[in-house]
């Protein structure tokens, strides 16, 4: 269901999911949605019956693994897949040696990430015109 992207075909699927969710649904500019970090990040793809439905990327930022571009296509939401994607991303980051994690969570997803052990740090801020919180999770 979820896998680390290891080939150009799967990377295209990741970009398609992100385009649908961020550019089409949320109105984020394509110029912001794709950035220079896409070439160095670890990308995650969710597929069901050959249909890409989820995407995310993990990027090293100082001592943190930053979960970014986490997206589930609309018709796949409400089925617990976002939680499974988040847990998969955390496990991949742990396998890479990370014990500290952070995410810029859209404000309406604050409770979602709190269920995964993240805590809000600081005040709400705007990113791509959308309200976000910095949330972190540290493990011993």
N, C-alpha and C. Protein backbone atom coordinates (compact mmCIF):
# COMPACT_ATOMS: atom_id res chain seq x y z
N UNK A 1 0.83 -1.20 0.00
CA UNK A 1 0.00 0.00 0.00
C UNK A 1 0.87 1.27 0.00
N UNK A 2 1.85 1.33 0.93
CA UNK A 2 2.78 2.46 0.97
C UNK A 2 4.18 1.97 0.68
N UNK A 3 4.95 2.78 -0.02
CA UNK A 3 6.33 2.41 -0.31
C UNK A 3 7.19 3.64 -0.50
N UNK A 4 8.49 3.44 -0.30
CA UNK A 4 9.47 4.48 -0.60
C UNK A 4 9.67 4.49 -2.11
N UNK A 5 9.64 5.66 -2.69
CA UNK A 5 9.80 5.80 -4.14
C UNK A 5 11.25 5.53 -4.53
N UNK A 6 11.42 4.65 -5.50
CA UNK A 6 12.77 4.29 -5.95
C UNK A 6 12.93 4.40 -7.47
N UNK A 7 11.89 4.88 -8.17
CA UNK A 7 12.00 5.00 -9.62
C UNK A 7 11.20 6.19 -10.13
N UNK A 8 11.53 6.67 -11.32
CA UNK A 8 10.88 7.87 -11.87
C UNK A 8 9.37 7.71 -12.06
N UNK A 9 8.92 6.51 -12.39
CA UNK A 9 7.49 6.26 -12.57
C UNK A 9 6.70 6.56 -11.31
N UNK A 10 7.20 6.05 -10.17
CA UNK A 10 6.51 6.29 -8.90
C UNK A 10 6.61 7.75 -8.47
N UNK A 11 7.71 8.41 -8.81
CA UNK A 11 7.84 9.82 -8.48
C UNK A 11 6.80 10.65 -9.24
N UNK A 12 6.54 10.30 -10.48
CA UNK A 12 5.50 10.98 -11.26
C UNK A 12 4.15 10.81 -10.57
N UNK A 13 3.87 9.62 -10.06
CA UNK A 13 2.60 9.37 -9.36
C UNK A 13 2.49 10.24 -8.11
N UNK A 14 3.61 10.40 -7.38
CA UNK A 14 3.63 11.28 -6.21
C UNK A 14 3.25 12.70 -6.63
N UNK A 15 3.86 13.19 -7.70
CA UNK A 15 3.59 14.55 -8.16
C UNK A 15 2.14 14.71 -8.63
N UNK A 16 1.57 13.66 -9.20
CA UNK A 16 0.17 13.72 -9.63
C UNK A 16 -0.75 13.87 -8.41
N UNK A 17 -0.52 13.05 -7.38
CA UNK A 17 -1.34 13.15 -6.16
C UNK A 17 -1.21 14.54 -5.56
N UNK A 18 0.02 15.04 -5.46
CA UNK A 18 0.23 16.38 -4.89
C UNK A 18 -0.44 17.45 -5.74
N UNK A 19 -0.39 17.30 -7.05
CA UNK A 19 -1.05 18.27 -7.93
C UNK A 19 -2.55 18.30 -7.71
N UNK A 20 -3.15 17.12 -7.59
CA UNK A 20 -4.60 17.03 -7.37
C UNK A 20 -4.97 17.68 -6.04
N UNK A 21 -4.27 17.32 -4.97
CA UNK A 21 -4.64 17.77 -3.63
C UNK A 21 -4.26 19.22 -3.39
N UNK A 22 -3.01 19.56 -3.64
CA UNK A 22 -2.54 20.91 -3.27
C UNK A 22 -2.88 21.96 -4.32
N UNK A 23 -2.60 21.68 -5.57
CA UNK A 23 -2.80 22.69 -6.61
C UNK A 23 -4.29 22.81 -6.95
N UNK A 24 -4.93 21.68 -7.24
CA UNK A 24 -6.34 21.71 -7.66
C UNK A 24 -7.28 22.01 -6.49
N UNK A 25 -7.22 21.19 -5.42
CA UNK A 25 -8.17 21.34 -4.31
C UNK A 25 -7.92 22.57 -3.46
N UNK A 26 -6.63 22.79 -3.10
CA UNK A 26 -6.33 23.82 -2.12
C UNK A 26 -5.84 25.13 -2.74
N UNK A 27 -5.68 25.15 -4.05
CA UNK A 27 -5.32 26.40 -4.72
C UNK A 27 -3.89 26.86 -4.50
N UNK A 28 -3.00 25.93 -4.13
CA UNK A 28 -1.59 26.28 -3.95
C UNK A 28 -0.96 26.42 -5.32
N UNK A 29 -0.15 27.46 -5.50
CA UNK A 29 0.52 27.68 -6.77
C UNK A 29 1.49 26.54 -7.08
N UNK A 30 1.50 26.09 -8.32
CA UNK A 30 2.44 25.05 -8.75
C UNK A 30 3.88 25.45 -8.42
N UNK A 31 4.19 26.76 -8.56
CA UNK A 31 5.56 27.25 -8.31
C UNK A 31 5.98 27.09 -6.86
N UNK A 32 5.03 27.04 -5.94
CA UNK A 32 5.33 26.83 -4.52
C UNK A 32 5.32 25.34 -4.20
N UNK A 33 4.38 24.62 -4.81
CA UNK A 33 4.18 23.21 -4.48
C UNK A 33 5.42 22.38 -4.83
N UNK A 34 6.04 22.65 -5.94
CA UNK A 34 7.29 21.97 -6.32
C UNK A 34 8.46 22.88 -5.96
N UNK A 35 9.48 22.30 -5.35
CA UNK A 35 10.64 23.11 -4.98
C UNK A 35 11.93 22.31 -5.15
N UNK A 36 13.03 22.96 -4.81
CA UNK A 36 14.35 22.34 -5.00
C UNK A 36 14.56 21.12 -4.10
N UNK A 37 13.77 20.98 -3.05
CA UNK A 37 13.93 19.84 -2.14
C UNK A 37 13.37 18.54 -2.71
N UNK A 38 12.56 18.64 -3.76
CA UNK A 38 12.00 17.42 -4.37
C UNK A 38 13.09 16.49 -4.88
N UNK A 39 14.26 17.03 -5.17
CA UNK A 39 15.33 16.21 -5.74
C UNK A 39 16.16 15.49 -4.68
N UNK A 40 16.06 15.91 -3.42
CA UNK A 40 16.88 15.29 -2.38
C UNK A 40 16.05 14.60 -1.29
N UNK A 41 14.75 14.81 -1.29
CA UNK A 41 13.89 14.23 -0.25
C UNK A 41 13.61 12.75 -0.52
N UNK A 42 13.19 12.06 0.53
CA UNK A 42 12.67 10.70 0.40
C UNK A 42 11.17 10.81 0.16
N UNK A 43 10.70 10.27 -0.94
CA UNK A 43 9.27 10.36 -1.29
C UNK A 43 8.56 9.05 -0.96
N UNK A 44 7.31 9.20 -0.52
CA UNK A 44 6.46 8.06 -0.18
C UNK A 44 5.24 8.10 -1.11
N UNK A 45 4.87 6.92 -1.61
CA UNK A 45 3.71 6.78 -2.49
C UNK A 45 2.74 5.78 -1.88
N UNK A 46 1.47 6.12 -1.90
CA UNK A 46 0.41 5.18 -1.54
C UNK A 46 -0.36 4.81 -2.78
N UNK A 47 -0.50 3.51 -3.01
CA UNK A 47 -1.21 3.02 -4.19
C UNK A 47 -2.17 1.91 -3.78
N UNK A 48 -3.33 1.89 -4.42
CA UNK A 48 -4.32 0.84 -4.18
C UNK A 48 -4.83 0.38 -5.54
N UNK A 49 -4.69 -0.89 -5.83
CA UNK A 49 -5.11 -1.45 -7.12
C UNK A 49 -4.54 -0.65 -8.30
N UNK A 50 -3.26 -0.26 -8.16
CA UNK A 50 -2.59 0.47 -9.23
C UNK A 50 -2.92 1.94 -9.31
N UNK A 51 -3.78 2.43 -8.43
CA UNK A 51 -4.20 3.83 -8.45
C UNK A 51 -3.48 4.60 -7.34
N UNK A 52 -2.69 5.63 -7.71
CA UNK A 52 -2.01 6.43 -6.68
C UNK A 52 -3.03 7.27 -5.90
N UNK A 53 -2.98 7.17 -4.57
CA UNK A 53 -3.95 7.91 -3.75
C UNK A 53 -3.30 8.76 -2.66
N UNK A 54 -2.02 8.52 -2.36
CA UNK A 54 -1.38 9.22 -1.25
C UNK A 54 0.07 9.54 -1.59
N UNK A 55 0.56 10.61 -0.98
CA UNK A 55 1.95 11.01 -1.19
C UNK A 55 2.45 11.72 0.05
N UNK A 56 3.76 11.74 0.18
CA UNK A 56 4.42 12.48 1.24
C UNK A 56 5.90 12.49 0.96
N UNK A 57 6.61 13.38 1.63
CA UNK A 57 8.06 13.34 1.52
C UNK A 57 8.67 13.59 2.89
N UNK A 58 9.87 13.06 3.05
CA UNK A 58 10.63 13.19 4.29
C UNK A 58 11.92 13.90 3.95
N UNK A 59 12.21 14.94 4.72
CA UNK A 59 13.41 15.72 4.44
C UNK A 59 14.17 15.96 5.73
N UNK A 60 15.48 15.79 5.68
CA UNK A 60 16.33 16.07 6.83
C UNK A 60 16.48 17.58 6.98
N UNK A 61 16.11 18.09 8.14
CA UNK A 61 16.27 19.51 8.47
C UNK A 61 16.94 19.56 9.84
N UNK A 62 18.23 19.86 9.84
CA UNK A 62 19.04 19.77 11.05
C UNK A 62 18.93 18.35 11.60
N UNK A 63 18.57 18.21 12.88
CA UNK A 63 18.50 16.84 13.45
C UNK A 63 17.09 16.26 13.31
N UNK A 64 16.21 16.96 12.63
CA UNK A 64 14.82 16.53 12.48
C UNK A 64 14.57 15.88 11.12
N UNK A 65 13.65 14.91 11.13
CA UNK A 65 13.03 14.43 9.89
C UNK A 65 11.74 15.23 9.76
N UNK A 66 11.64 16.01 8.70
CA UNK A 66 10.46 16.84 8.50
C UNK A 66 9.52 16.14 7.53
N UNK A 67 8.30 15.88 7.99
CA UNK A 67 7.28 15.30 7.13
C UNK A 67 6.63 16.43 6.34
N UNK A 68 6.62 16.28 5.03
CA UNK A 68 6.12 17.35 4.16
C UNK A 68 5.24 16.78 3.06
N UNK A 69 4.46 17.68 2.46
CA UNK A 69 3.66 17.36 1.27
C UNK A 69 2.82 16.09 1.49
N UNK A 70 2.30 15.95 2.70
CA UNK A 70 1.49 14.78 3.04
C UNK A 70 0.09 15.00 2.45
N UNK A 71 -0.33 14.08 1.59
CA UNK A 71 -1.59 14.28 0.86
C UNK A 71 -2.30 12.95 0.63
N UNK A 72 -3.62 13.01 0.77
CA UNK A 72 -4.50 11.88 0.45
C UNK A 72 -5.58 12.42 -0.48
N UNK A 73 -5.78 11.75 -1.62
CA UNK A 73 -6.84 12.20 -2.54
C UNK A 73 -8.21 12.08 -1.86
N UNK A 74 -9.09 13.02 -2.21
CA UNK A 74 -10.38 13.21 -1.53
C UNK A 74 -11.18 11.91 -1.37
N UNK A 75 -11.31 11.13 -2.42
CA UNK A 75 -12.18 9.94 -2.33
C UNK A 75 -11.60 8.85 -1.44
N UNK A 76 -10.35 9.00 -0.99
CA UNK A 76 -9.70 8.01 -0.12
C UNK A 76 -9.66 8.47 1.34
N UNK A 77 -10.16 9.67 1.61
CA UNK A 77 -10.13 10.21 2.97
C UNK A 77 -11.22 9.58 3.83
N UNK A 78 -11.03 9.68 5.16
CA UNK A 78 -12.03 9.18 6.09
C UNK A 78 -11.97 7.67 6.28
N UNK A 79 -10.91 7.05 5.83
CA UNK A 79 -10.76 5.60 5.93
C UNK A 79 -9.56 5.20 6.80
N UNK A 80 -8.95 6.18 7.47
CA UNK A 80 -7.79 5.89 8.31
C UNK A 80 -6.47 5.82 7.55
N UNK A 81 -6.50 6.11 6.26
CA UNK A 81 -5.29 5.98 5.45
C UNK A 81 -4.26 7.07 5.77
N UNK A 82 -4.73 8.24 6.17
CA UNK A 82 -3.81 9.31 6.56
C UNK A 82 -2.99 8.91 7.78
N UNK A 83 -3.64 8.23 8.74
CA UNK A 83 -2.92 7.75 9.92
C UNK A 83 -1.89 6.69 9.52
N UNK A 84 -2.29 5.79 8.62
CA UNK A 84 -1.36 4.75 8.17
C UNK A 84 -0.19 5.36 7.41
N UNK A 85 -0.46 6.36 6.59
CA UNK A 85 0.61 7.05 5.85
C UNK A 85 1.57 7.72 6.83
N UNK A 86 1.04 8.41 7.82
CA UNK A 86 1.88 9.11 8.80
C UNK A 86 2.76 8.11 9.56
N UNK A 87 2.18 7.00 10.01
CA UNK A 87 2.95 5.98 10.71
C UNK A 87 4.04 5.38 9.82
N UNK A 88 3.69 5.17 8.55
CA UNK A 88 4.69 4.64 7.61
C UNK A 88 5.84 5.63 7.44
N UNK A 89 5.51 6.91 7.28
CA UNK A 89 6.54 7.93 7.12
C UNK A 89 7.43 8.01 8.36
N UNK A 90 6.82 7.95 9.54
CA UNK A 90 7.62 7.98 10.78
C UNK A 90 8.54 6.77 10.86
N UNK A 91 8.04 5.59 10.45
CA UNK A 91 8.88 4.39 10.52
C UNK A 91 10.04 4.47 9.53
N UNK A 92 9.80 5.03 8.34
CA UNK A 92 10.88 5.21 7.36
C UNK A 92 11.93 6.16 7.93
N UNK A 93 11.49 7.26 8.53
CA UNK A 93 12.42 8.23 9.11
C UNK A 93 13.21 7.60 10.27
N UNK A 94 12.54 6.76 11.06
CA UNK A 94 13.24 6.07 12.16
C UNK A 94 14.30 5.11 11.61
N UNK A 95 13.95 4.42 10.52
CA UNK A 95 14.93 3.53 9.88
C UNK A 95 16.14 4.32 9.36
N UNK A 96 15.91 5.58 9.01
CA UNK A 96 17.01 6.44 8.55
C UNK A 96 17.81 7.00 9.73
N UNK A 97 17.38 6.67 10.96
CA UNK A 97 18.14 7.08 12.14
C UNK A 97 17.59 8.28 12.88
N UNK A 98 16.46 8.81 12.46
CA UNK A 98 15.90 9.99 13.11
C UNK A 98 15.12 9.61 14.37
N UNK A 99 15.22 10.49 15.39
CA UNK A 99 14.44 10.34 16.61
C UNK A 99 13.66 11.62 16.91
N UNK A 100 13.85 12.62 16.07
CA UNK A 100 13.11 13.88 16.21
C UNK A 100 12.41 14.15 14.89
N UNK A 101 11.15 14.59 15.00
CA UNK A 101 10.33 14.78 13.81
C UNK A 101 9.61 16.11 13.90
N UNK A 102 9.35 16.70 12.76
CA UNK A 102 8.54 17.92 12.76
C UNK A 102 7.69 17.97 11.50
N UNK A 103 6.65 18.76 11.59
CA UNK A 103 5.73 18.93 10.48
C UNK A 103 5.15 20.33 10.56
N UNK A 104 4.93 20.96 9.41
CA UNK A 104 4.13 22.17 9.33
C UNK A 104 2.72 21.69 9.03
N UNK A 105 1.92 21.55 10.08
CA UNK A 105 0.58 20.97 9.94
C UNK A 105 -0.43 22.06 9.61
N UNK A 106 -1.27 21.78 8.60
CA UNK A 106 -2.38 22.69 8.36
C UNK A 106 -3.21 22.73 9.63
N UNK A 107 -3.70 23.92 9.98
CA UNK A 107 -4.34 24.14 11.29
C UNK A 107 -5.44 23.13 11.58
N UNK A 108 -6.22 22.77 10.59
CA UNK A 108 -7.33 21.84 10.84
C UNK A 108 -6.85 20.41 11.12
N UNK A 109 -5.56 20.14 10.88
CA UNK A 109 -4.99 18.81 11.13
C UNK A 109 -4.21 18.71 12.44
N UNK A 110 -4.29 19.77 13.26
CA UNK A 110 -3.54 19.78 14.52
C UNK A 110 -3.87 18.55 15.38
N UNK A 111 -5.16 18.26 15.56
CA UNK A 111 -5.56 17.11 16.38
C UNK A 111 -5.10 15.79 15.76
N UNK A 112 -5.13 15.72 14.44
CA UNK A 112 -4.66 14.52 13.72
C UNK A 112 -3.21 14.22 14.11
N UNK A 113 -2.34 15.23 14.02
CA UNK A 113 -0.92 15.01 14.32
C UNK A 113 -0.67 14.80 15.82
N UNK A 114 -1.51 15.39 16.66
CA UNK A 114 -1.37 15.15 18.10
C UNK A 114 -1.58 13.67 18.42
N UNK A 115 -2.43 13.00 17.67
CA UNK A 115 -2.65 11.56 17.86
C UNK A 115 -1.40 10.75 17.54
N UNK A 116 -0.46 11.37 16.83
CA UNK A 116 0.80 10.71 16.48
C UNK A 116 1.96 11.20 17.33
N UNK A 117 1.63 11.89 18.43
CA UNK A 117 2.66 12.30 19.38
C UNK A 117 3.29 13.65 19.11
N UNK A 118 2.76 14.41 18.15
CA UNK A 118 3.29 15.74 17.85
C UNK A 118 2.66 16.77 18.77
N UNK A 119 3.46 17.80 19.11
CA UNK A 119 2.97 18.90 19.94
C UNK A 119 3.21 20.22 19.22
N UNK A 120 2.27 21.14 19.40
CA UNK A 120 2.38 22.46 18.78
C UNK A 120 3.50 23.25 19.44
N UNK A 121 4.30 23.92 18.61
CA UNK A 121 5.35 24.81 19.09
C UNK A 121 5.10 26.18 18.45
N UNK A 122 4.83 27.18 19.29
CA UNK A 122 4.64 28.53 18.77
C UNK A 122 3.24 28.79 18.26
N UNK A 123 3.11 29.91 17.56
CA UNK A 123 1.81 30.39 17.11
C UNK A 123 1.52 29.93 15.68
N UNK A 124 0.26 30.06 15.32
CA UNK A 124 -0.16 29.75 13.96
C UNK A 124 0.54 30.70 12.99
N UNK A 125 0.84 30.19 11.80
CA UNK A 125 1.46 31.02 10.76
C UNK A 125 0.88 30.64 9.41
N UNK A 126 1.13 31.48 8.42
CA UNK A 126 0.65 31.23 7.06
C UNK A 126 1.76 30.61 6.23
N UNK A 127 1.39 29.58 5.48
CA UNK A 127 2.30 28.98 4.50
C UNK A 127 1.45 28.71 3.27
N UNK A 128 1.85 29.22 2.13
CA UNK A 128 1.08 29.10 0.89
C UNK A 128 -0.34 29.62 1.09
N UNK A 129 -0.48 30.66 1.94
CA UNK A 129 -1.78 31.27 2.20
C UNK A 129 -2.70 30.45 3.09
N UNK A 130 -2.18 29.39 3.70
CA UNK A 130 -2.98 28.47 4.53
C UNK A 130 -2.44 28.49 5.96
N UNK A 131 -3.35 28.51 6.95
CA UNK A 131 -2.95 28.50 8.36
C UNK A 131 -2.27 27.18 8.71
N UNK A 132 -1.12 27.29 9.38
CA UNK A 132 -0.33 26.12 9.79
C UNK A 132 0.17 26.28 11.23
N UNK A 133 0.56 25.16 11.82
CA UNK A 133 1.29 25.13 13.08
C UNK A 133 2.57 24.33 12.88
N UNK A 134 3.64 24.76 13.53
CA UNK A 134 4.83 23.93 13.64
C UNK A 134 4.54 22.93 14.75
N UNK A 135 4.71 21.65 14.44
CA UNK A 135 4.51 20.61 15.44
C UNK A 135 5.73 19.71 15.46
N UNK A 136 6.15 19.31 16.65
CA UNK A 136 7.34 18.47 16.79
C UNK A 136 7.03 17.25 17.65
N UNK A 137 7.84 16.22 17.43
CA UNK A 137 7.77 14.99 18.22
C UNK A 137 9.21 14.54 18.46
N UNK A 138 9.56 14.44 19.72
CA UNK A 138 10.91 13.96 20.08
C UNK A 138 10.79 12.62 20.78
N UNK A 139 11.68 11.71 20.43
CA UNK A 139 11.71 10.40 21.09
C UNK A 139 12.99 10.31 21.90
N UNK A 140 12.94 9.55 23.00
CA UNK A 140 14.15 9.40 23.83
C UNK A 140 15.26 8.68 23.09
